[in-house]
N, C-alpha and C. Protein backbone atom coordinates (compact mmCIF):
# COMPACT_ATOMS: atom_id res chain seq x y z
N UNK A 1 0.69 -1.30 -0.09
CA UNK A 1 0.07 -0.08 -0.01
C UNK A 1 1.15 1.42 0.05
N UNK A 2 2.39 1.10 0.20
CA UNK A 2 3.25 2.20 0.23
C UNK A 2 3.18 3.30 -0.80
N UNK A 3 2.92 2.18 -1.95
CA UNK A 3 2.94 2.95 -3.29
C UNK A 3 1.70 3.74 -3.93
N UNK A 4 0.50 3.76 -3.06
CA UNK A 4 -0.96 4.17 -3.06
C UNK A 4 -0.74 5.82 -2.53
N UNK A 5 -1.36 6.48 -2.99
CA UNK A 5 -1.64 7.86 -2.74
C UNK A 5 -2.80 7.91 -1.50
N UNK A 6 -2.80 8.95 -0.73
CA UNK A 6 -3.75 8.74 0.25
C UNK A 6 -5.37 8.57 -0.10
N UNK A 7 -5.48 9.58 -1.12
CA UNK A 7 -6.43 9.20 -1.59
C UNK A 7 -6.89 7.54 -2.52
N UNK A 8 -6.11 7.09 -2.68
CA UNK A 8 -6.60 5.67 -3.32
C UNK A 8 -6.61 4.76 -1.97
N UNK A 9 -5.73 5.11 -1.14
CA UNK A 9 -6.02 4.42 0.38
C UNK A 9 -7.48 4.28 0.62
N UNK A 10 -7.91 5.66 0.65
CA UNK A 10 -8.97 6.34 1.17
C UNK A 10 -10.51 5.54 0.39
N UNK A 11 -9.83 5.24 -0.70
CA UNK A 11 -10.89 4.77 -1.70
C UNK A 11 -10.78 3.24 -1.37
N UNK A 12 -10.02 2.40 -1.02
CA UNK A 12 -9.94 1.28 -0.63
C UNK A 12 -10.64 0.99 0.55
N UNK A 13 -10.38 1.92 1.29
CA UNK A 13 -11.30 1.88 2.87
C UNK A 13 -12.83 1.80 2.38
N UNK A 14 -13.14 2.93 1.67
CA UNK A 14 -14.68 3.04 1.59
C UNK A 14 -14.98 2.05 0.59
N UNK A 15 -14.61 1.61 -0.41
CA UNK A 15 -15.07 0.22 -1.02
C UNK A 15 -15.20 -0.70 0.01
N UNK A 16 -14.46 -1.10 0.90
CA UNK A 16 -14.31 -2.05 1.75
C UNK A 16 -15.83 -1.79 3.08
N UNK A 17 -15.99 -0.57 3.32
CA UNK A 17 -17.02 -0.98 4.25
C UNK A 17 -18.50 -0.83 3.40
N UNK A 18 -18.56 -0.60 2.00
CA UNK A 18 -19.78 -0.56 1.45
C UNK A 18 -19.96 -1.91 0.61
N UNK A 19 -21.28 -2.22 0.62
CA UNK A 19 -21.72 -3.38 -0.50
C UNK A 19 -21.36 -3.40 -1.98
N UNK A 20 -20.37 -3.75 -2.65
CA UNK A 20 -20.15 -3.34 -3.84
C UNK A 20 -21.03 -2.11 -4.27
N UNK A 21 -20.07 -1.36 -3.90
CA UNK A 21 -20.51 0.10 -4.35
C UNK A 21 -20.42 0.46 -5.56
N UNK A 22 -20.92 1.43 -6.39
CA UNK A 22 -20.74 1.95 -7.50
C UNK A 22 -20.15 3.38 -7.23
N UNK A 23 -19.51 4.09 -8.34
CA UNK A 23 -18.98 5.14 -8.14
C UNK A 23 -19.66 6.20 -7.75
N UNK A 24 -20.99 6.39 -7.78
CA UNK A 24 -21.69 7.64 -7.36
C UNK A 24 -22.13 7.16 -5.90
N UNK A 25 -21.88 6.40 -5.33
CA UNK A 25 -22.18 5.87 -3.91
C UNK A 25 -20.87 6.12 -3.10
N UNK A 26 -19.56 5.90 -3.96
CA UNK A 26 -18.38 6.09 -3.32
C UNK A 26 -18.22 7.69 -3.27
N UNK A 27 -18.72 8.33 -4.12
CA UNK A 27 -18.49 9.72 -4.07
C UNK A 27 -18.73 10.70 -3.06
N UNK A 28 -20.17 10.37 -2.56
CA UNK A 28 -20.60 11.11 -1.35
C UNK A 28 -19.66 10.91 0.22
N UNK A 29 -19.33 9.36 0.19
CA UNK A 29 -18.37 9.17 1.32
C UNK A 29 -17.15 9.69 1.18
N UNK A 30 -16.21 9.98 0.09
CA UNK A 30 -15.40 10.91 0.11
C UNK A 30 -15.68 12.36 0.30
N UNK A 31 -16.26 12.59 -0.35
CA UNK A 31 -16.87 14.08 -0.05
C UNK A 31 -17.00 14.44 1.44
N UNK A 32 -17.90 13.73 2.38
CA UNK A 32 -17.93 13.83 3.77
C UNK A 32 -16.61 13.90 4.00
N UNK A 33 -15.77 13.32 3.89
CA UNK A 33 -14.58 12.92 4.67
C UNK A 33 -13.51 14.20 4.18
N UNK A 34 -13.59 14.48 3.06
CA UNK A 34 -12.57 15.42 2.82
C UNK A 34 -13.18 16.84 2.56
N UNK A 35 -14.48 17.01 2.98
CA UNK A 35 -15.56 18.19 3.02
C UNK A 35 -15.41 19.10 1.77
N UNK A 36 -15.24 18.33 0.68
CA UNK A 36 -15.16 19.06 -0.54
C UNK A 36 -15.48 18.13 -1.80
N UNK A 37 -15.88 18.75 -2.60
CA UNK A 37 -16.34 17.94 -4.17
C UNK A 37 -15.54 16.89 -4.48
N UNK A 38 -16.01 15.86 -4.76
CA UNK A 38 -14.52 15.03 -5.52
C UNK A 38 -15.29 15.03 -7.03
N UNK A 39 -14.46 15.23 -7.93
CA UNK A 39 -14.78 15.53 -9.25
C UNK A 39 -14.48 14.13 -9.74
N UNK A 40 -15.29 13.74 -11.04
CA UNK A 40 -15.49 12.47 -11.47
C UNK A 40 -13.89 12.26 -12.15
N UNK A 41 -13.68 13.36 -12.59
CA UNK A 41 -11.79 13.17 -13.22
C UNK A 41 -11.07 13.01 -12.14
N UNK A 42 -11.71 12.65 -10.75
CA UNK A 42 -10.50 12.65 -9.84
C UNK A 42 -10.61 11.23 -9.34
N UNK A 43 -12.17 10.51 -9.32
CA UNK A 43 -12.39 9.84 -8.65
C UNK A 43 -12.38 8.33 -9.43
N UNK A 44 -12.83 8.13 -11.14
CA UNK A 44 -12.72 7.43 -11.71
C UNK A 44 -11.32 6.89 -12.11
N UNK A 45 -10.54 7.78 -12.34
CA UNK A 45 -9.37 7.01 -13.06
C UNK A 45 -8.31 6.61 -11.76
N UNK A 46 -8.63 6.81 -10.17
CA UNK A 46 -8.01 6.18 -9.56
C UNK A 46 -8.46 5.14 -8.85
N UNK A 47 -10.32 5.06 -9.18
CA UNK A 47 -10.89 3.38 -9.39
C UNK A 47 -10.15 2.61 -10.17
N UNK A 48 -9.85 3.37 -11.73
CA UNK A 48 -9.41 2.09 -12.68
C UNK A 48 -7.93 1.74 -12.17
N UNK A 49 -7.25 2.83 -11.74
CA UNK A 49 -5.84 2.45 -11.22
C UNK A 49 -5.63 1.51 -9.97
N UNK A 50 -6.84 1.58 -8.76
CA UNK A 50 -6.55 0.44 -8.00
C UNK A 50 -7.05 -0.96 -8.52
N UNK A 51 -7.95 -0.68 -9.62
CA UNK A 51 -8.12 -2.23 -10.76
C UNK A 51 -7.11 -2.55 -11.20
N UNK A 52 -6.27 -1.59 -11.91
CA UNK A 52 -5.29 -2.09 -12.58
C UNK A 52 -4.08 -2.98 -11.92
N UNK A 53 -4.21 -2.30 -10.46
CA UNK A 53 -2.84 -2.75 -9.56
C UNK A 53 -3.42 -4.18 -8.62
N UNK A 54 -4.87 -4.36 -8.89
CA UNK A 54 -5.49 -5.66 -8.27
C UNK A 54 -5.67 -5.76 -6.82
N UNK A 55 -6.06 -4.40 -6.57
CA UNK A 55 -6.50 -4.16 -5.58
C UNK A 55 -8.17 -4.19 -5.10
N UNK A 56 -8.55 -3.82 -6.16
CA UNK A 56 -10.14 -3.65 -6.58
C UNK A 56 -10.69 -4.87 -7.54
N UNK A 57 -11.86 -5.28 -7.67
CA UNK A 57 -12.31 -5.88 -8.89
C UNK A 57 -13.68 -5.10 -9.39
N UNK A 58 -13.72 -4.45 -10.44
CA UNK A 58 -14.36 -4.17 -11.46
C UNK A 58 -15.47 -4.97 -11.80
N UNK A 59 -17.00 -4.82 -11.64
CA UNK A 59 -18.18 -5.56 -12.16
C UNK A 59 -18.80 -4.67 -12.75
N UNK A 60 -20.16 -5.12 -13.13
CA UNK A 60 -21.15 -4.43 -13.81
C UNK A 60 -22.72 -4.29 -13.48
N UNK A 61 -23.05 -3.35 -12.97
CA UNK A 61 -24.42 -3.30 -12.17
C UNK A 61 -25.57 -3.35 -13.73
N UNK A 62 -25.15 -3.19 -14.22
CA UNK A 62 -25.95 -2.74 -15.41
C UNK A 62 -25.16 -2.37 -16.53
N UNK A 63 -25.71 -1.64 -17.99
CA UNK A 63 -24.98 -1.26 -18.75
C UNK A 63 -24.27 0.08 -18.72
N UNK A 64 -24.42 0.90 -17.63
CA UNK A 64 -23.88 1.93 -17.49
C UNK A 64 -23.30 2.46 -16.16
N UNK A 65 -23.49 1.29 -15.30
CA UNK A 65 -22.88 1.47 -14.10
C UNK A 65 -22.23 0.24 -13.42
N UNK A 66 -21.03 0.51 -13.43
CA UNK A 66 -19.69 -0.53 -12.81
C UNK A 66 -19.85 -0.45 -10.96
N UNK A 67 -19.48 -1.89 -10.69
CA UNK A 67 -19.68 -1.68 -9.38
C UNK A 67 -18.29 -2.27 -8.71
N UNK A 68 -17.60 -1.79 -7.44
CA UNK A 68 -16.26 -2.41 -7.28
C UNK A 68 -16.34 -3.18 -5.63
N UNK A 69 -15.75 -4.27 -5.89
CA UNK A 69 -15.47 -4.77 -4.50
C UNK A 69 -13.57 -5.01 -4.30
N UNK A 70 -13.14 -5.43 -3.03
CA UNK A 70 -11.80 -5.25 -2.77
C UNK A 70 -11.74 -6.69 -3.28
N UNK A 71 -10.48 -6.79 -3.67
CA UNK A 71 -9.92 -8.23 -4.17
C UNK A 71 -9.23 -8.79 -2.61
N UNK A 72 -8.81 -10.39 -2.82
CA UNK A 72 -7.90 -10.72 -1.68
C UNK A 72 -6.79 -9.91 -1.35
N UNK A 73 -6.02 -9.36 -2.36
CA UNK A 73 -4.80 -8.70 -2.19
C UNK A 73 -5.40 -7.67 -1.54
N UNK A 74 -6.25 -6.84 -2.20
CA UNK A 74 -6.75 -5.45 -1.24
C UNK A 74 -7.02 -5.80 0.22
N UNK A 75 -7.71 -6.86 0.52
CA UNK A 75 -7.93 -6.79 1.78
C UNK A 75 -6.75 -6.99 2.83
N UNK A 76 -5.82 -7.39 1.98
CA UNK A 76 -4.49 -7.82 2.67
C UNK A 76 -3.84 -6.61 3.20
N UNK A 77 -3.70 -6.23 1.76
CA UNK A 77 -3.11 -4.33 2.08
C UNK A 77 -3.85 -3.79 3.05
N UNK A 78 -4.85 -3.60 3.43
CA UNK A 78 -5.70 -2.75 4.05
C UNK A 78 -5.81 -3.38 5.47
N UNK A 79 -5.15 -4.83 5.64
CA UNK A 79 -5.14 -5.45 7.02
C UNK A 79 -3.50 -5.27 7.39
N UNK A 80 -2.67 -5.26 6.46
CA UNK A 80 -1.45 -4.95 6.61
C UNK A 80 -1.12 -3.55 7.35
N UNK A 81 -1.82 -2.34 6.34
CA UNK A 81 -1.83 -1.10 6.87
C UNK A 81 -2.48 -0.92 8.33
N UNK A 82 -3.43 -1.47 8.58
CA UNK A 82 -4.09 -1.65 9.68
C UNK A 82 -3.10 -2.07 10.75
N UNK A 83 -2.39 -3.18 10.71
CA UNK A 83 -1.37 -3.74 11.56
C UNK A 83 -0.34 -2.53 11.76
N UNK A 84 0.43 -1.95 10.91
CA UNK A 84 1.34 -1.15 10.61
C UNK A 84 0.90 0.12 11.92
N UNK A 85 -0.29 0.72 11.57
CA UNK A 85 -0.82 1.96 12.22
C UNK A 85 -0.98 1.63 13.63
N UNK A 86 -1.42 0.20 14.06
CA UNK A 86 -1.60 -0.17 15.48
C UNK A 86 -0.33 -0.25 16.13
N UNK A 87 0.48 -0.50 15.51
CA UNK A 87 1.91 -0.88 16.10
C UNK A 87 2.33 0.58 16.50
N UNK A 88 2.28 1.59 15.70
CA UNK A 88 2.41 3.33 16.08
C UNK A 88 1.82 3.66 16.97
N UNK A 89 0.66 3.39 17.05
CA UNK A 89 -0.52 4.11 18.04
C UNK A 89 -0.31 3.17 19.30
N UNK A 90 -0.04 1.88 19.18
CA UNK A 90 0.41 1.37 20.73
C UNK A 90 1.44 2.21 21.23
N UNK A 91 2.64 2.25 20.37
CA UNK A 91 3.93 2.96 21.04
C UNK A 91 3.34 4.30 21.79
N UNK A 92 2.77 4.88 20.74
CA UNK A 92 2.21 6.51 21.77
C UNK A 92 1.53 6.21 23.16
N UNK A 93 0.73 5.14 22.95
CA UNK A 93 -0.29 4.98 24.09
C UNK A 93 0.63 4.69 25.28
N UNK A 94 1.46 4.01 25.13
CA UNK A 94 2.41 3.17 26.07
C UNK A 94 3.60 4.34 26.68
N UNK A 95 3.75 5.27 26.01
CA UNK A 95 4.36 6.28 26.35
C UNK A 95 3.73 7.49 27.02
N UNK A 96 2.61 7.51 26.63
CA UNK A 96 1.53 8.60 27.39
C UNK A 96 1.10 8.29 29.01
């Protein structure tokens, strides 16, 4: 996950938390977090990049709408990131 942008990492987290979301379901989740509009020109190329990296799988809900799910590799990346974060959060708590 070290080669992802923060936005791409956040996309993985959102897709993980929703049930086979489509782009327009992902968009408001990110807009709430970033407190700004997320343009399609930012959202969809980043989703495609995550698909190309094997972290997301793109399916089709209908002729015009794609859905996204986390791959096993994507889940492993999220789990590894969470373990890494917890390591440092635990150290901070032990110091305090």
